[in-house]
Amino acid sequence: MKRTMIALLAGLSLCGLVAAQSEPAGGVQQYTVDDAWGRDSVQFLTTAPMEDILGTTNQVTGFLKADPKNLAGPGTAARIEVKLASIKTGIEMRDGAVAKALGAEKAPVAVFTLEKIKSASAPGLEPNVPVDVVAEGTFELNGVRKKIEVPARVTFVPKGGPFSQMRPGNFVRLSAQFDVKLADFGVERRGPVLPLQVGESAHVTVAVLGSDASPEEAKTYRDKAIKYMGKAAR
């Protein structure tokens, strides 16, 4: 009977420890977007009378910062950067023309900087439960900076699950989609042909995973990428 009681108490203690670990910590936490394996992605799609152009890059960096218990709180911040010259469209000759048209020579990166969360479907994050938000911030492209609203979905994924065998840390997954009117950012579609090839707007899709892994854990993760791929994806 005594052994049974000890085993029961030990089991309850272990369950309590696992439950505590799965909950997001209180206070402002930072999650870094910088996947050495290149799993983060940003895409854009323009639709024109003669063709669609789909551009993709995995050269995405940045950070997500928030109090998981208070998403709309004053500590919430984020910044996502994309190297424009890294965008691939499926035609190598076109890649350089696209980067040039987007202003890569004078402004090599496109940047979204979060200013505030305007609304959220829940006040905070719970493990593996998506929260839909409307974010307000500035988008910088081609040397032009404009305020935009971005609907997004945010999910806290605690460490300890199967994915922890692949990558260290707790995670925040961010997915978002928004439209950018190219003329608003000085992206020109001059001549008789370009308007047939490039649409007036670009539909942008963002999918990133931020991690709170320690610098030592992040280095080990990057070293594995180099070992198996020959170099880190970014």
Protein backbone atom coordinates (compact mmCIF):
# COMPACT_ATOMS: atom_id res chain seq x y z
CA MET A 1 0.00 0.00 0.00
CA LYS A 2 2.82 2.38 0.89
CA ARG A 3 4.61 1.65 -2.40
CA THR A 4 1.38 2.23 -4.32
CA MET A 5 0.86 5.60 -2.62
CA ILE A 6 4.44 6.69 -3.35
CA ALA A 7 4.08 5.68 -7.00
CA LEU A 8 0.78 7.57 -7.25
CA LEU A 9 2.26 10.73 -5.74
CA ALA A 10 5.29 10.50 -8.04
CA GLY A 11 3.01 10.10 -11.04
CA LEU A 12 0.90 13.08 -10.04
CA SER A 13 4.04 15.17 -9.50
CA LEU A 14 5.34 14.24 -12.94
CA CYS A 15 2.02 15.08 -14.58
CA GLY A 16 2.00 18.42 -12.81
CA LEU A 17 5.55 19.14 -14.00
CA VAL A 18 4.69 18.30 -17.64
CA ALA A 19 1.56 20.45 -17.48
CA ALA A 20 3.53 23.36 -16.04
CA GLN A 21 6.14 23.07 -18.77
CA SER A 22 3.50 23.10 -21.51
CA GLU A 23 2.04 26.42 -20.43
CA PRO A 24 3.62 29.59 -21.93
CA ALA A 25 5.66 31.49 -19.36
CA GLY A 26 4.34 34.76 -18.01
CA GLY A 27 5.87 38.12 -18.91
CA VAL A 28 7.26 39.23 -22.26
CA GLN A 29 8.95 36.42 -24.16
CA GLN A 30 11.00 36.66 -27.38
CA TYR A 31 10.98 34.11 -30.19
CA THR A 32 13.63 34.36 -32.88
CA VAL A 33 12.83 33.75 -36.55
CA ASP A 34 16.02 32.38 -38.14
CA ASP A 35 15.71 28.78 -39.31
CA ALA A 36 19.02 27.31 -40.44
CA TRP A 37 17.11 24.63 -42.37
CA GLY A 38 15.10 27.20 -44.35
CA ARG A 39 11.61 26.18 -43.26
CA ASP A 40 10.35 29.76 -42.89
CA SER A 41 8.89 31.19 -46.07
CA VAL A 42 7.47 34.31 -47.66
CA GLN A 43 5.66 34.17 -51.01
CA PHE A 44 4.06 36.70 -53.29
CA LEU A 45 1.67 36.13 -56.16
CA THR A 46 0.72 38.58 -58.87
CA THR A 47 -2.04 37.76 -61.34
CA ALA A 48 -2.06 39.45 -64.76
CA PRO A 49 -3.91 38.82 -68.05
CA MET A 50 -1.07 36.77 -69.59
CA GLU A 51 0.59 35.10 -66.60
CA ASP A 52 0.84 34.65 -62.87
CA ILE A 53 4.17 35.23 -61.14
CA LEU A 54 4.85 33.36 -57.91
CA GLY A 55 7.93 34.42 -55.97
CA THR A 56 9.26 32.48 -52.98
CA THR A 57 12.08 32.92 -50.50
CA ASN A 58 13.27 31.16 -47.36
CA GLN A 59 15.67 33.98 -46.47
CA VAL A 60 13.45 35.24 -43.65
CA THR A 61 14.63 36.60 -40.31
CA GLY A 62 13.19 38.57 -37.43
CA PHE A 63 11.59 38.19 -34.03
CA LEU A 64 8.22 37.89 -32.33
CA LYS A 65 7.90 39.34 -28.84
CA ALA A 66 4.86 39.29 -26.55
CA ASP A 67 3.45 38.41 -23.17
CA PRO A 68 1.68 35.15 -24.07
CA LYS A 69 -0.99 35.92 -21.46
CA ASN A 70 -1.65 39.39 -22.91
CA LEU A 71 -1.21 39.46 -26.69
CA ALA A 72 -2.43 43.02 -27.09
CA GLY A 73 -0.25 44.29 -24.24
CA PRO A 74 2.38 47.03 -24.52
CA GLY A 75 5.25 44.52 -24.69
CA THR A 76 4.08 43.06 -27.98
CA ALA A 77 6.45 43.67 -30.90
CA ALA A 78 7.58 41.95 -34.08
CA ARG A 79 9.82 42.48 -37.07
CA ILE A 80 10.07 40.28 -40.16
CA GLU A 81 12.70 40.88 -42.85
CA VAL A 82 13.08 39.35 -46.32
CA LYS A 83 16.10 39.64 -48.64
CA LEU A 84 14.59 40.69 -51.96
CA ALA A 85 17.49 39.34 -54.03
CA SER A 86 16.77 35.85 -52.67
CA ILE A 87 13.29 35.63 -54.24
CA LYS A 88 12.95 32.84 -56.79
CA THR A 89 10.21 32.92 -59.43
CA GLY A 90 10.99 29.74 -61.36
CA ILE A 91 12.81 31.57 -64.18
CA GLU A 92 16.36 32.58 -63.28
CA MET A 93 16.52 35.47 -65.76
CA ARG A 94 13.30 36.87 -64.31
CA ASP A 95 14.55 36.69 -60.71
CA GLY A 96 16.99 39.57 -61.17
CA ALA A 97 14.37 41.69 -62.95
CA VAL A 98 11.90 41.12 -60.12
CA ALA A 99 14.47 42.04 -57.45
CA LYS A 100 15.38 45.19 -59.36
CA ALA A 101 11.72 46.16 -59.82
CA LEU A 102 11.13 45.73 -56.08
CA GLY A 103 14.01 48.12 -55.34
CA ALA A 104 16.58 45.62 -54.08
CA GLU A 105 19.49 47.78 -55.25
CA LYS A 106 18.65 50.72 -52.97
CA ALA A 107 16.64 48.88 -50.30
CA PRO A 108 17.81 45.23 -50.16
CA VAL A 109 15.18 44.04 -47.66
CA ALA A 110 11.42 44.25 -47.33
CA VAL A 111 10.40 44.75 -43.70
CA PHE A 112 7.21 44.50 -41.67
CA THR A 113 7.35 46.09 -38.22
CA LEU A 114 4.47 45.50 -35.84
CA GLU A 115 3.11 48.53 -34.00
CA LYS A 116 0.14 47.01 -32.18
CA ILE A 117 -2.44 44.24 -32.08
CA LYS A 118 -5.80 45.82 -32.92
CA SER A 119 -7.87 42.75 -32.08
CA ALA A 120 -7.46 39.13 -31.04
CA SER A 121 -9.85 36.18 -30.85
CA ALA A 122 -8.47 35.37 -27.38
CA PRO A 123 -6.60 37.49 -24.84
CA GLY A 124 -3.64 35.12 -24.63
CA LEU A 125 -2.01 32.00 -25.97
CA GLU A 126 -2.73 28.47 -24.80
CA PRO A 127 -0.71 25.46 -25.96
CA ASN A 128 -1.53 24.42 -29.53
CA VAL A 129 -4.59 26.67 -29.76
CA PRO A 130 -4.50 29.12 -32.71
CA VAL A 131 -5.42 32.75 -32.03
CA ASP A 132 -6.53 35.01 -34.87
CA VAL A 133 -5.32 38.60 -34.65
CA VAL A 134 -5.43 41.78 -36.68
CA ALA A 135 -2.02 43.44 -36.58
CA GLU A 136 -1.20 47.03 -37.45
CA GLY A 137 2.28 48.01 -38.49
CA THR A 138 4.51 49.47 -41.19
CA PHE A 139 5.57 47.74 -44.38
CA GLU A 140 8.76 48.93 -46.09
CA LEU A 141 9.46 48.17 -49.74
CA ASN A 142 11.45 49.97 -52.42
CA GLY A 143 12.36 52.75 -49.99
CA VAL A 144 8.68 53.46 -49.23
CA ARG A 145 7.14 52.94 -45.81
CA LYS A 146 3.37 52.65 -45.34
CA LYS A 147 1.05 51.62 -42.54
CA ILE A 148 -0.95 48.46 -43.21
CA GLU A 149 -3.25 46.03 -41.38
CA VAL A 150 -2.45 42.33 -41.50
CA PRO A 151 -4.75 39.49 -40.42
CA ALA A 152 -2.67 36.70 -38.91
CA ARG A 153 -2.87 33.48 -36.95
CA VAL A 154 -0.58 32.85 -33.98
CA THR A 155 -0.06 29.51 -32.24
CA PHE A 156 2.07 28.66 -29.21
CA VAL A 157 3.69 25.21 -29.55
CA PRO A 158 5.39 24.07 -26.33
CA LYS A 159 8.59 22.06 -26.33
CA GLY A 160 8.42 18.44 -25.31
CA GLY A 161 6.43 17.16 -28.28
CA PRO A 162 7.69 15.15 -31.26
CA PHE A 163 8.99 18.28 -33.02
CA SER A 164 11.45 18.85 -30.17
CA GLN A 165 13.50 15.98 -31.60
CA MET A 166 14.11 18.18 -34.66
CA ARG A 167 14.41 21.68 -33.23
CA PRO A 168 14.98 23.08 -29.72
CA GLY A 169 12.85 25.53 -27.75
CA ASN A 170 9.25 26.57 -27.38
CA PHE A 171 7.72 27.92 -30.56
CA VAL A 172 5.34 30.54 -31.83
CA ARG A 173 4.03 29.86 -35.32
CA LEU A 174 2.87 32.88 -37.30
CA SER A 175 0.96 32.70 -40.57
CA ALA A 176 -0.40 35.75 -42.37
CA GLN A 177 -1.73 36.89 -45.74
CA PHE A 178 -2.16 40.41 -47.08
CA ASP A 179 -2.24 42.35 -50.34
CA VAL A 180 0.21 45.03 -51.45
CA LYS A 181 -0.70 47.50 -54.18
CA LEU A 182 2.56 47.78 -56.10
CA ALA A 183 2.04 51.39 -57.23
CA ASP A 184 1.79 52.47 -53.58
CA PHE A 185 5.42 51.43 -53.15
CA GLY A 186 6.72 52.88 -56.39
CA VAL A 187 6.93 49.53 -58.20
CA GLU A 188 6.38 50.44 -61.86
CA ARG A 189 4.56 48.45 -64.55
CA ARG A 190 5.39 50.65 -67.53
CA GLY A 191 5.11 49.84 -71.23
CA PRO A 192 2.70 47.71 -73.24
CA VAL A 193 3.98 44.33 -72.00
CA LEU A 194 4.58 44.56 -68.23
CA PRO A 195 0.91 45.20 -67.32
CA LEU A 196 0.12 41.95 -69.15
CA GLN A 197 2.72 40.06 -67.07
CA VAL A 198 2.58 41.73 -63.64
CA GLY A 199 -0.62 42.36 -61.71
CA GLU A 200 -1.49 45.62 -59.95
CA SER A 201 -1.24 43.94 -56.54
CA ALA A 202 0.85 41.24 -54.93
CA HIS A 203 -0.77 38.76 -52.57
CA VAL A 204 1.77 38.06 -49.82
CA THR A 205 1.82 34.90 -47.68
CA VAL A 206 4.03 34.59 -44.60
CA ALA A 207 4.70 31.38 -42.64
CA VAL A 208 7.37 31.51 -39.93
CA LEU A 209 8.24 29.71 -36.72
CA GLY A 210 9.89 31.62 -33.91
CA SER A 211 11.89 29.77 -31.25
CA ASP A 212 13.07 30.73 -27.76
CA ALA A 213 15.99 28.30 -27.90
CA SER A 214 19.12 29.39 -26.08
CA PRO A 215 22.14 30.57 -28.12
CA GLU A 216 23.86 27.26 -27.38
CA GLU A 217 20.82 25.25 -28.55
CA ALA A 218 20.48 27.40 -31.68
CA LYS A 219 24.16 26.84 -32.53
CA THR A 220 23.79 23.07 -32.18
CA TYR A 221 20.74 23.19 -34.44
CA ARG A 222 22.63 25.24 -37.03
CA ASP A 223 25.65 22.92 -36.88
CA LYS A 224 23.36 19.98 -37.70
CA ALA A 225 22.01 21.84 -40.73
CA ILE A 226 25.55 22.44 -41.95
CA LYS A 227 26.46 18.80 -41.33
CA TYR A 228 23.56 17.35 -43.31
CA MET A 229 23.11 20.01 -46.04
CA GLY A 230 26.69 21.20 -46.47
CA LYS A 231 25.70 24.71 -45.38
CA ALA A 232 22.92 26.42 -43.47
CA ALA A 233 19.93 27.47 -45.58
CA ARG A 234 20.37 30.93 -44.16
